[in-house]
N, C-alpha and C. Protein backbone atom coordinates (compact mmCIF):
# COMPACT_ATOMS: atom_id res chain seq x y z
N MET A 1 35.06 -8.32 27.20
CA MET A 1 35.47 -9.61 27.67
C MET A 1 34.30 -10.32 28.35
N LEU A 2 33.56 -9.61 29.20
CA LEU A 2 32.41 -10.22 29.88
C LEU A 2 31.33 -10.62 28.88
N ALA A 3 31.17 -9.81 27.87
CA ALA A 3 30.16 -10.12 26.85
C ALA A 3 30.46 -11.46 26.21
N ARG A 4 31.74 -11.73 25.91
CA ARG A 4 32.11 -13.04 25.31
C ARG A 4 31.94 -14.17 26.31
N ILE A 5 32.24 -13.92 27.56
CA ILE A 5 32.12 -14.98 28.57
C ILE A 5 30.66 -15.39 28.73
N PHE A 6 29.77 -14.40 28.82
CA PHE A 6 28.35 -14.69 29.04
C PHE A 6 27.58 -14.96 27.74
N GLY A 7 28.22 -14.66 26.62
CA GLY A 7 27.53 -14.87 25.33
C GLY A 7 26.43 -13.87 25.06
N VAL A 8 26.68 -12.62 25.50
CA VAL A 8 25.69 -11.56 25.28
C VAL A 8 26.41 -10.38 24.62
N SER A 9 25.62 -9.35 24.28
CA SER A 9 26.22 -8.17 23.63
C SER A 9 26.83 -7.25 24.69
N VAL A 10 27.67 -6.35 24.21
CA VAL A 10 28.29 -5.36 25.10
C VAL A 10 27.21 -4.50 25.75
N ARG A 11 26.20 -4.16 24.98
CA ARG A 11 25.10 -3.36 25.56
C ARG A 11 24.41 -4.10 26.70
N ARG A 12 24.30 -5.41 26.57
CA ARG A 12 23.68 -6.21 27.62
C ARG A 12 24.53 -6.16 28.91
N VAL A 13 25.84 -6.14 28.75
CA VAL A 13 26.72 -6.01 29.93
C VAL A 13 26.47 -4.66 30.61
N TYR A 14 26.31 -3.60 29.82
CA TYR A 14 25.97 -2.29 30.42
C TYR A 14 24.63 -2.36 31.17
N ASN A 15 23.69 -3.09 30.56
CA ASN A 15 22.38 -3.25 31.21
C ASN A 15 22.52 -4.02 32.52
N PHE A 16 23.40 -5.05 32.52
CA PHE A 16 23.64 -5.80 33.76
C PHE A 16 24.17 -4.86 34.84
N HIS A 17 25.07 -3.97 34.46
CA HIS A 17 25.62 -3.02 35.45
C HIS A 17 24.51 -2.13 36.00
N GLU A 18 23.62 -1.68 35.14
CA GLU A 18 22.49 -0.86 35.59
C GLU A 18 21.54 -1.64 36.50
N GLN A 19 21.52 -2.97 36.32
CA GLN A 19 20.67 -3.83 37.15
C GLN A 19 21.35 -4.24 38.45
N GLY A 20 22.60 -3.81 38.65
CA GLY A 20 23.25 -4.06 39.92
C GLY A 20 24.46 -4.98 39.87
N MET A 21 24.95 -5.32 38.72
CA MET A 21 26.13 -6.15 38.62
C MET A 21 27.32 -5.41 39.24
N PRO A 22 28.06 -6.08 40.15
CA PRO A 22 29.17 -5.37 40.82
C PRO A 22 30.34 -5.12 39.88
N ARG A 23 31.01 -3.95 40.10
CA ARG A 23 32.24 -3.66 39.38
C ARG A 23 33.11 -2.80 40.30
N GLU A 24 34.40 -2.91 40.08
CA GLU A 24 35.35 -2.19 40.94
C GLU A 24 35.49 -0.76 40.48
N GLU A 25 35.75 -0.56 39.22
CA GLU A 25 35.84 0.76 38.62
C GLU A 25 35.44 0.64 37.16
N LYS A 26 35.38 1.73 36.45
CA LYS A 26 34.89 1.70 35.06
C LYS A 26 35.73 0.74 34.23
N GLY A 27 35.04 -0.28 33.70
CA GLY A 27 35.70 -1.27 32.84
C GLY A 27 36.41 -2.36 33.61
N ARG A 28 36.41 -2.37 34.94
CA ARG A 28 37.09 -3.39 35.75
C ARG A 28 36.06 -4.14 36.59
N TYR A 29 36.12 -5.45 36.51
CA TYR A 29 35.19 -6.29 37.23
C TYR A 29 35.98 -7.40 37.95
N LYS A 30 35.49 -7.82 39.10
CA LYS A 30 36.02 -9.01 39.77
C LYS A 30 35.22 -10.19 39.23
N LEU A 31 35.89 -11.05 38.53
CA LEU A 31 35.20 -12.15 37.82
C LEU A 31 34.38 -13.01 38.77
N GLY A 32 34.91 -13.32 39.93
CA GLY A 32 34.19 -14.17 40.87
C GLY A 32 32.88 -13.54 41.31
N ASP A 33 32.92 -12.24 41.65
CA ASP A 33 31.72 -11.53 42.09
C ASP A 33 30.69 -11.44 40.95
N VAL A 34 31.19 -11.17 39.73
CA VAL A 34 30.31 -11.02 38.58
C VAL A 34 29.63 -12.34 38.25
N VAL A 35 30.38 -13.48 38.30
CA VAL A 35 29.79 -14.78 38.00
C VAL A 35 28.73 -15.13 39.04
N GLN A 36 29.01 -14.85 40.32
CA GLN A 36 28.00 -15.11 41.35
C GLN A 36 26.76 -14.28 41.12
N TRP A 37 26.98 -12.99 40.80
CA TRP A 37 25.82 -12.11 40.55
C TRP A 37 25.02 -12.61 39.35
N TYR A 38 25.72 -12.99 38.30
CA TYR A 38 25.04 -13.43 37.09
C TYR A 38 24.26 -14.72 37.35
N ALA A 39 24.81 -15.64 38.13
CA ALA A 39 24.13 -16.90 38.46
C ALA A 39 22.88 -16.59 39.27
N SER A 40 22.99 -15.71 40.27
CA SER A 40 21.80 -15.37 41.06
C SER A 40 20.79 -14.63 40.23
N HIS A 41 21.26 -13.81 39.29
CA HIS A 41 20.37 -13.07 38.39
C HIS A 41 19.58 -14.04 37.52
N LEU A 42 20.26 -15.08 36.98
CA LEU A 42 19.57 -16.07 36.15
C LEU A 42 18.59 -16.89 36.97
N LEU A 43 19.00 -17.26 38.15
CA LEU A 43 18.10 -18.07 39.02
C LEU A 43 16.86 -17.28 39.40
N ALA A 44 17.05 -16.01 39.68
CA ALA A 44 15.90 -15.18 40.05
C ALA A 44 14.91 -15.04 38.89
N ARG A 45 15.42 -15.17 37.69
CA ARG A 45 14.56 -15.02 36.51
C ARG A 45 14.18 -16.38 35.94
N GLY A 46 14.41 -17.45 36.66
CA GLY A 46 14.03 -18.76 36.18
C GLY A 46 15.05 -19.33 35.17
N GLY A 47 16.23 -18.79 35.11
CA GLY A 47 17.26 -19.30 34.21
C GLY A 47 17.08 -18.91 32.76
N LYS A 48 16.13 -18.04 32.49
CA LYS A 48 15.85 -17.64 31.11
C LYS A 48 16.36 -16.25 30.86
N ASP A 49 16.89 -16.04 29.69
CA ASP A 49 17.33 -14.70 29.29
C ASP A 49 16.11 -13.89 28.86
N LYS A 50 15.99 -12.71 29.38
CA LYS A 50 14.82 -11.88 29.08
C LYS A 50 14.69 -11.64 27.56
N SER A 51 15.80 -11.42 26.91
CA SER A 51 15.71 -11.14 25.49
C SER A 51 15.12 -12.34 24.72
N LEU A 52 15.42 -13.55 25.15
CA LEU A 52 14.85 -14.72 24.50
C LEU A 52 13.36 -14.80 24.78
N ASP A 53 12.95 -14.50 26.03
CA ASP A 53 11.52 -14.46 26.36
C ASP A 53 10.80 -13.41 25.53
N ASP A 54 11.44 -12.25 25.40
CA ASP A 54 10.84 -11.19 24.60
C ASP A 54 10.69 -11.62 23.16
N GLN A 55 11.69 -12.30 22.64
CA GLN A 55 11.61 -12.75 21.26
C GLN A 55 10.49 -13.78 21.08
N ARG A 56 10.36 -14.66 22.04
CA ARG A 56 9.29 -15.66 21.96
C ARG A 56 7.91 -15.00 22.04
N LYS A 57 7.77 -14.02 22.93
CA LYS A 57 6.49 -13.30 23.03
C LYS A 57 6.19 -12.55 21.74
N GLU A 58 7.21 -11.92 21.18
CA GLU A 58 7.03 -11.19 19.93
C GLU A 58 6.64 -12.13 18.80
N LEU A 59 7.30 -13.28 18.73
CA LEU A 59 6.97 -14.28 17.69
C LEU A 59 5.52 -14.77 17.86
N LEU A 60 5.14 -15.07 19.09
CA LEU A 60 3.78 -15.50 19.35
C LEU A 60 2.77 -14.42 18.96
N PHE A 61 3.08 -13.16 19.29
CA PHE A 61 2.21 -12.07 18.92
C PHE A 61 2.07 -11.95 17.40
N GLU A 62 3.21 -12.03 16.69
CA GLU A 62 3.18 -11.92 15.22
C GLU A 62 2.41 -13.07 14.60
N GLN A 63 2.59 -14.28 15.11
CA GLN A 63 1.85 -15.43 14.59
C GLN A 63 0.36 -15.27 14.83
N THR A 64 0.00 -14.79 16.01
CA THR A 64 -1.41 -14.54 16.32
C THR A 64 -1.98 -13.46 15.39
N LEU A 65 -1.24 -12.41 15.21
CA LEU A 65 -1.68 -11.33 14.32
C LEU A 65 -1.85 -11.84 12.89
N LYS A 66 -0.90 -12.62 12.40
CA LYS A 66 -0.97 -13.17 11.05
C LYS A 66 -2.23 -14.05 10.89
N THR A 67 -2.47 -14.89 11.87
CA THR A 67 -3.65 -15.77 11.81
C THR A 67 -4.93 -14.93 11.85
N ARG A 68 -4.96 -13.90 12.68
CA ARG A 68 -6.13 -13.02 12.76
C ARG A 68 -6.41 -12.34 11.44
N ILE A 69 -5.35 -11.84 10.81
CA ILE A 69 -5.51 -11.15 9.52
C ILE A 69 -5.99 -12.13 8.47
N GLU A 70 -5.41 -13.33 8.42
CA GLU A 70 -5.87 -14.34 7.45
C GLU A 70 -7.33 -14.68 7.66
N ASN A 71 -7.74 -14.79 8.91
CA ASN A 71 -9.16 -15.08 9.20
C ASN A 71 -10.06 -13.94 8.75
N GLU A 72 -9.64 -12.72 9.00
CA GLU A 72 -10.44 -11.57 8.59
C GLU A 72 -10.54 -11.46 7.07
N ILE A 73 -9.45 -11.80 6.39
CA ILE A 73 -9.50 -11.79 4.93
C ILE A 73 -10.44 -12.88 4.43
N SER A 74 -10.38 -14.06 5.04
CA SER A 74 -11.27 -15.13 4.57
C SER A 74 -12.74 -14.82 4.87
N ARG A 75 -12.99 -14.07 5.94
CA ARG A 75 -14.38 -13.66 6.23
C ARG A 75 -14.74 -12.40 5.46
N GLN A 76 -13.81 -11.89 4.68
CA GLN A 76 -13.96 -10.68 3.87
C GLN A 76 -14.18 -9.46 4.74
N ASP A 77 -13.60 -9.48 5.95
CA ASP A 77 -13.59 -8.27 6.79
C ASP A 77 -12.51 -7.32 6.34
N LEU A 78 -11.46 -7.88 5.72
CA LEU A 78 -10.36 -7.08 5.19
C LEU A 78 -10.24 -7.31 3.70
N VAL A 79 -9.78 -6.30 3.00
CA VAL A 79 -9.61 -6.37 1.55
C VAL A 79 -8.14 -6.11 1.26
N PRO A 80 -7.55 -6.88 0.36
CA PRO A 80 -6.14 -6.62 0.02
C PRO A 80 -5.94 -5.19 -0.46
N MET A 81 -4.81 -4.64 -0.08
CA MET A 81 -4.51 -3.24 -0.41
C MET A 81 -4.54 -2.96 -1.90
N ALA A 82 -4.11 -3.89 -2.72
CA ALA A 82 -4.11 -3.69 -4.18
C ALA A 82 -5.52 -3.44 -4.69
N GLU A 83 -6.50 -4.17 -4.15
CA GLU A 83 -7.88 -4.00 -4.58
C GLU A 83 -8.41 -2.62 -4.16
N VAL A 84 -8.07 -2.21 -2.95
CA VAL A 84 -8.50 -0.89 -2.47
C VAL A 84 -7.90 0.20 -3.35
N GLN A 85 -6.62 0.06 -3.66
CA GLN A 85 -5.96 1.05 -4.50
C GLN A 85 -6.60 1.11 -5.89
N THR A 86 -6.91 -0.03 -6.47
CA THR A 86 -7.55 -0.07 -7.79
C THR A 86 -8.90 0.64 -7.74
N CYS A 87 -9.65 0.34 -6.70
CA CYS A 87 -10.97 0.95 -6.55
C CYS A 87 -10.88 2.47 -6.46
N PHE A 88 -10.01 2.97 -5.59
CA PHE A 88 -9.89 4.41 -5.44
C PHE A 88 -9.25 5.07 -6.65
N ASN A 89 -8.29 4.40 -7.28
CA ASN A 89 -7.69 5.00 -8.48
C ASN A 89 -8.73 5.18 -9.58
N THR A 90 -9.60 4.20 -9.74
CA THR A 90 -10.65 4.29 -10.74
C THR A 90 -11.60 5.46 -10.42
N ALA A 91 -11.99 5.55 -9.15
CA ALA A 91 -12.89 6.63 -8.75
C ALA A 91 -12.20 7.99 -8.85
N GLN A 92 -10.93 8.06 -8.48
CA GLN A 92 -10.20 9.32 -8.57
C GLN A 92 -10.05 9.78 -10.02
N THR A 93 -9.83 8.83 -10.92
CA THR A 93 -9.72 9.18 -12.32
C THR A 93 -11.02 9.77 -12.83
N MET A 94 -12.12 9.17 -12.44
CA MET A 94 -13.42 9.71 -12.82
C MET A 94 -13.65 11.08 -12.24
N LEU A 95 -13.29 11.26 -10.97
CA LEU A 95 -13.46 12.56 -10.33
C LEU A 95 -12.61 13.63 -11.00
N ALA A 96 -11.40 13.31 -11.33
CA ALA A 96 -10.53 14.27 -12.02
C ALA A 96 -11.12 14.65 -13.36
N SER A 97 -11.66 13.68 -14.08
CA SER A 97 -12.29 13.94 -15.36
C SER A 97 -13.50 14.89 -15.21
N GLN A 98 -14.31 14.62 -14.21
CA GLN A 98 -15.49 15.46 -13.97
C GLN A 98 -15.05 16.90 -13.60
N LEU A 99 -14.05 17.02 -12.75
CA LEU A 99 -13.60 18.35 -12.35
C LEU A 99 -12.93 19.10 -13.49
N ASP A 100 -12.18 18.37 -14.32
CA ASP A 100 -11.50 19.02 -15.45
C ASP A 100 -12.51 19.57 -16.46
N SER A 101 -13.63 18.91 -16.62
CA SER A 101 -14.63 19.36 -17.60
C SER A 101 -15.66 20.28 -16.98
N PHE A 102 -15.59 20.56 -15.70
CA PHE A 102 -16.55 21.38 -14.99
C PHE A 102 -16.70 22.76 -15.62
N ALA A 103 -15.59 23.44 -15.83
CA ALA A 103 -15.64 24.82 -16.35
C ALA A 103 -16.23 24.83 -17.76
N ARG A 104 -15.83 23.87 -18.58
CA ARG A 104 -16.33 23.82 -19.95
C ARG A 104 -17.84 23.60 -19.97
N ARG A 105 -18.33 22.71 -19.10
CA ARG A 105 -19.76 22.44 -19.06
C ARG A 105 -20.55 23.66 -18.58
N MET A 106 -19.99 24.40 -17.66
CA MET A 106 -20.74 25.49 -17.03
C MET A 106 -20.58 26.85 -17.73
N ALA A 107 -19.52 27.03 -18.50
CA ALA A 107 -19.20 28.35 -19.06
C ALA A 107 -20.34 28.93 -19.88
N ASN A 108 -20.82 28.20 -20.86
CA ASN A 108 -21.87 28.71 -21.72
C ASN A 108 -23.16 28.98 -20.96
N GLU A 109 -23.49 28.06 -20.09
CA GLU A 109 -24.74 28.20 -19.35
C GLU A 109 -24.71 29.41 -18.41
N LEU A 110 -23.59 29.65 -17.78
CA LEU A 110 -23.50 30.74 -16.82
C LEU A 110 -23.26 32.10 -17.48
N ALA A 111 -22.83 32.09 -18.71
CA ALA A 111 -22.55 33.34 -19.41
C ALA A 111 -23.82 34.21 -19.53
N GLY A 112 -24.96 33.60 -19.69
CA GLY A 112 -26.19 34.36 -19.87
C GLY A 112 -26.89 34.71 -18.58
N ILE A 113 -26.39 34.24 -17.44
CA ILE A 113 -27.04 34.49 -16.14
C ILE A 113 -26.35 35.66 -15.46
N HIS A 114 -27.16 36.63 -15.01
CA HIS A 114 -26.60 37.79 -14.34
C HIS A 114 -26.92 37.82 -12.85
N GLU A 115 -27.74 36.93 -12.39
CA GLU A 115 -28.13 36.87 -10.98
C GLU A 115 -27.17 35.97 -10.21
N ALA A 116 -26.58 36.48 -9.16
CA ALA A 116 -25.60 35.73 -8.36
C ALA A 116 -26.23 34.49 -7.72
N ASP A 117 -27.48 34.64 -7.27
CA ASP A 117 -28.15 33.50 -6.63
C ASP A 117 -28.36 32.36 -7.62
N GLN A 118 -28.72 32.69 -8.84
CA GLN A 118 -28.91 31.66 -9.85
C GLN A 118 -27.60 30.98 -10.21
N ILE A 119 -26.54 31.77 -10.30
CA ILE A 119 -25.21 31.20 -10.62
C ILE A 119 -24.77 30.26 -9.48
N GLU A 120 -24.95 30.72 -8.26
CA GLU A 120 -24.56 29.91 -7.11
C GLU A 120 -25.38 28.61 -7.07
N SER A 121 -26.65 28.72 -7.32
CA SER A 121 -27.51 27.53 -7.32
C SER A 121 -27.10 26.53 -8.38
N ARG A 122 -26.82 27.04 -9.58
CA ARG A 122 -26.43 26.15 -10.70
C ARG A 122 -25.10 25.49 -10.44
N VAL A 123 -24.12 26.23 -9.91
CA VAL A 123 -22.79 25.66 -9.57
C VAL A 123 -22.96 24.61 -8.46
N PHE A 124 -23.79 24.90 -7.48
CA PHE A 124 -24.05 23.96 -6.41
C PHE A 124 -24.64 22.66 -6.94
N GLU A 125 -25.63 22.78 -7.85
CA GLU A 125 -26.24 21.58 -8.46
C GLU A 125 -25.21 20.76 -9.23
N GLU A 126 -24.34 21.44 -9.96
CA GLU A 126 -23.30 20.74 -10.73
C GLU A 126 -22.32 20.02 -9.81
N CYS A 127 -21.94 20.67 -8.71
CA CYS A 127 -21.05 20.04 -7.73
C CYS A 127 -21.70 18.82 -7.10
N ARG A 128 -22.97 18.95 -6.82
CA ARG A 128 -23.70 17.81 -6.25
C ARG A 128 -23.72 16.64 -7.24
N GLU A 129 -23.88 16.94 -8.53
CA GLU A 129 -23.88 15.91 -9.55
C GLU A 129 -22.52 15.22 -9.64
N VAL A 130 -21.44 16.00 -9.53
CA VAL A 130 -20.10 15.43 -9.54
C VAL A 130 -19.93 14.48 -8.35
N ARG A 131 -20.37 14.90 -7.18
CA ARG A 131 -20.28 14.04 -5.98
C ARG A 131 -21.10 12.76 -6.18
N ARG A 132 -22.29 12.89 -6.77
CA ARG A 132 -23.12 11.73 -7.00
C ARG A 132 -22.45 10.74 -7.95
N VAL A 133 -21.90 11.26 -9.04
CA VAL A 133 -21.23 10.40 -10.01
C VAL A 133 -20.01 9.71 -9.36
N TYR A 134 -19.29 10.46 -8.54
CA TYR A 134 -18.13 9.89 -7.84
C TYR A 134 -18.56 8.75 -6.93
N ALA A 135 -19.58 9.00 -6.12
CA ALA A 135 -20.06 7.97 -5.18
C ALA A 135 -20.58 6.76 -5.94
N THR A 136 -21.30 6.98 -7.03
CA THR A 136 -21.83 5.88 -7.81
C THR A 136 -20.71 5.07 -8.43
N THR A 137 -19.71 5.73 -8.96
CA THR A 137 -18.57 5.04 -9.56
C THR A 137 -17.82 4.24 -8.50
N LEU A 138 -17.57 4.83 -7.36
CA LEU A 138 -16.86 4.15 -6.29
C LEU A 138 -17.64 2.91 -5.83
N ALA A 139 -18.94 3.06 -5.67
CA ALA A 139 -19.76 1.92 -5.26
C ALA A 139 -19.78 0.82 -6.34
N ALA A 140 -19.86 1.21 -7.59
CA ALA A 140 -19.89 0.23 -8.69
C ALA A 140 -18.57 -0.53 -8.78
N VAL A 141 -17.47 0.17 -8.65
CA VAL A 141 -16.17 -0.50 -8.70
C VAL A 141 -16.01 -1.44 -7.52
N ALA A 142 -16.39 -0.97 -6.34
CA ALA A 142 -16.28 -1.82 -5.15
C ALA A 142 -17.17 -3.06 -5.29
N GLN A 143 -18.36 -2.89 -5.79
CA GLN A 143 -19.27 -4.03 -5.98
C GLN A 143 -18.71 -5.01 -7.01
N ALA A 144 -18.17 -4.49 -8.09
CA ALA A 144 -17.59 -5.35 -9.12
C ALA A 144 -16.42 -6.13 -8.56
N MET A 145 -15.60 -5.48 -7.76
CA MET A 145 -14.46 -6.15 -7.15
C MET A 145 -14.92 -7.18 -6.14
N ASP A 146 -15.99 -6.87 -5.42
CA ASP A 146 -16.54 -7.81 -4.44
C ASP A 146 -17.10 -9.04 -5.12
N ASP A 147 -17.76 -8.82 -6.27
CA ASP A 147 -18.37 -9.93 -6.99
C ASP A 147 -17.34 -10.86 -7.63
N SER A 148 -16.27 -10.27 -8.18
CA SER A 148 -15.34 -11.10 -8.93
C SER A 148 -13.95 -11.15 -8.34
N GLY A 149 -13.66 -10.36 -7.36
CA GLY A 149 -12.32 -10.35 -6.79
C GLY A 149 -11.34 -9.57 -7.64
N ALA A 150 -11.81 -8.93 -8.67
CA ALA A 150 -10.93 -8.16 -9.55
C ALA A 150 -11.71 -6.97 -10.08
N ASP A 151 -11.03 -6.05 -10.68
CA ASP A 151 -11.64 -4.85 -11.23
C ASP A 151 -12.24 -5.17 -12.58
N THR A 152 -13.57 -5.28 -12.65
CA THR A 152 -14.23 -5.61 -13.92
C THR A 152 -14.47 -4.36 -14.76
N ASN A 153 -14.28 -3.19 -14.20
CA ASN A 153 -14.48 -1.97 -14.98
C ASN A 153 -13.26 -1.63 -15.80
N ALA A 154 -12.20 -2.37 -15.61
CA ALA A 154 -10.99 -2.09 -16.38
C ALA A 154 -11.26 -2.42 -17.84
N ALA A 155 -10.69 -1.64 -18.72
CA ALA A 155 -10.90 -1.87 -20.14
C ALA A 155 -10.30 -3.21 -20.55
N PRO A 156 -10.95 -3.96 -21.41
CA PRO A 156 -10.37 -5.22 -21.86
C PRO A 156 -9.09 -4.95 -22.62
N PRO A 157 -8.18 -5.90 -22.58
CA PRO A 157 -6.91 -5.65 -23.30
C PRO A 157 -7.17 -5.46 -24.78
N LYS A 158 -6.47 -4.51 -25.35
CA LYS A 158 -6.64 -4.23 -26.77
C LYS A 158 -5.94 -5.30 -27.58
N LYS A 159 -6.53 -5.61 -28.74
CA LYS A 159 -5.90 -6.56 -29.63
C LYS A 159 -4.71 -5.88 -30.27
N ARG A 160 -3.63 -6.57 -30.29
CA ARG A 160 -2.42 -5.98 -30.87
C ARG A 160 -2.45 -6.11 -32.38
N ARG A 161 -2.07 -5.04 -33.01
CA ARG A 161 -1.95 -5.07 -34.47
C ARG A 161 -0.48 -5.19 -34.80
N ARG A 162 -0.23 -5.90 -35.85
CA ARG A 162 1.15 -6.06 -36.28
C ARG A 162 1.65 -4.72 -36.85
N VAL A 163 2.89 -4.46 -36.59
CA VAL A 163 3.52 -3.26 -37.12
C VAL A 163 4.58 -3.73 -38.13
N GLY A 164 4.64 -3.04 -39.25
CA GLY A 164 5.62 -3.41 -40.25
C GLY A 164 5.04 -4.39 -41.25
N ARG A 165 5.89 -5.22 -41.81
CA ARG A 165 5.44 -6.17 -42.83
C ARG A 165 4.51 -7.21 -42.25
N SER A 166 3.60 -7.65 -43.07
CA SER A 166 2.56 -8.55 -42.58
C SER A 166 3.00 -10.00 -42.52
N GLY A 167 4.10 -10.34 -43.09
CA GLY A 167 4.56 -11.72 -43.07
C GLY A 167 4.05 -12.49 -44.27
N LYS A 168 3.01 -12.02 -44.94
CA LYS A 168 2.49 -12.69 -46.14
C LYS A 168 3.18 -12.09 -47.36
N ASN A 169 3.77 -12.92 -48.13
CA ASN A 169 4.32 -12.51 -49.42
C ASN A 169 5.23 -11.28 -49.28
N THR A 170 6.17 -11.34 -48.35
CA THR A 170 7.01 -10.20 -48.05
C THR A 170 8.06 -9.93 -49.15
N THR A 171 8.23 -10.89 -50.05
CA THR A 171 9.28 -10.70 -51.07
C THR A 171 8.77 -9.88 -52.26
N THR A 172 7.49 -9.79 -52.45
CA THR A 172 6.98 -9.04 -53.59
C THR A 172 6.71 -7.61 -53.19
N ARG A 173 6.79 -6.75 -54.16
CA ARG A 173 6.55 -5.33 -53.91
C ARG A 173 5.08 -5.01 -54.11
N LYS A 174 4.69 -3.92 -53.55
CA LYS A 174 3.32 -3.45 -53.76
C LYS A 174 3.21 -3.01 -55.22
N PRO A 175 2.03 -3.20 -55.81
CA PRO A 175 1.87 -2.71 -57.19
C PRO A 175 1.92 -1.18 -57.19
N ARG A 176 2.54 -0.66 -58.20
CA ARG A 176 2.65 0.80 -58.30
C ARG A 176 1.30 1.39 -58.63
N ALA A 177 1.14 2.62 -58.25
CA ALA A 177 -0.09 3.33 -58.59
C ALA A 177 -0.18 3.50 -60.08
N ARG A 178 -1.38 3.39 -60.60
CA ARG A 178 -1.53 3.52 -62.04
C ARG A 178 -1.37 4.97 -62.45
N LYS A 179 -0.93 5.14 -63.60
CA LYS A 179 -0.69 6.50 -64.10
C LYS A 179 -2.02 7.17 -64.40
N VAL A 180 -2.08 8.40 -64.04
CA VAL A 180 -3.31 9.19 -64.28
C VAL A 180 -3.08 10.04 -65.50
N ALA A 181 -4.04 9.99 -66.38
CA ALA A 181 -3.92 10.76 -67.62
C ALA A 181 -4.09 12.22 -67.30
N LYS A 182 -3.25 13.05 -67.90
CA LYS A 182 -3.34 14.49 -67.67
C LYS A 182 -4.43 15.07 -68.58
N GLN A 183 -5.11 16.00 -68.09
CA GLN A 183 -6.19 16.60 -68.88
C GLN A 183 -5.91 18.00 -69.26
């Protein structure tokens, strides 16, 4: 009932009680005392509801944050998430390819080596090469995206080929294969 009178939620009425709103017993209030308390409560706070102030502060914060992000994007301090994902996906695909072919590249070469130090050295060199290729690919994709705003390493769209009849002279049949003379 008090929530409807004051135009607030039931939870807010509980909060008022915690802030010192008088009540006789659980769920029972003297309306005169409660109205006086509420009036003094509003006057003490400048007549503004805290939740409205909080909402205004939150809105101002969000607007400031939005403007800050837009400014950082325009200064290229921030990059849209889609571009970052494209860049890393390209680099991760290359890395997976390098790792998948690692054993095949090394198997024949290592088969003839019996010295553990030589094997370790060769595997280390190959791992270093994989890291170098990964870093180079990541840098190239990032640079291409920086230059054009899009992923230029993506494969160009393939030309579509027609499937089925060609549309030319569809009513005639193909000529039959010529008969081959038996020998």
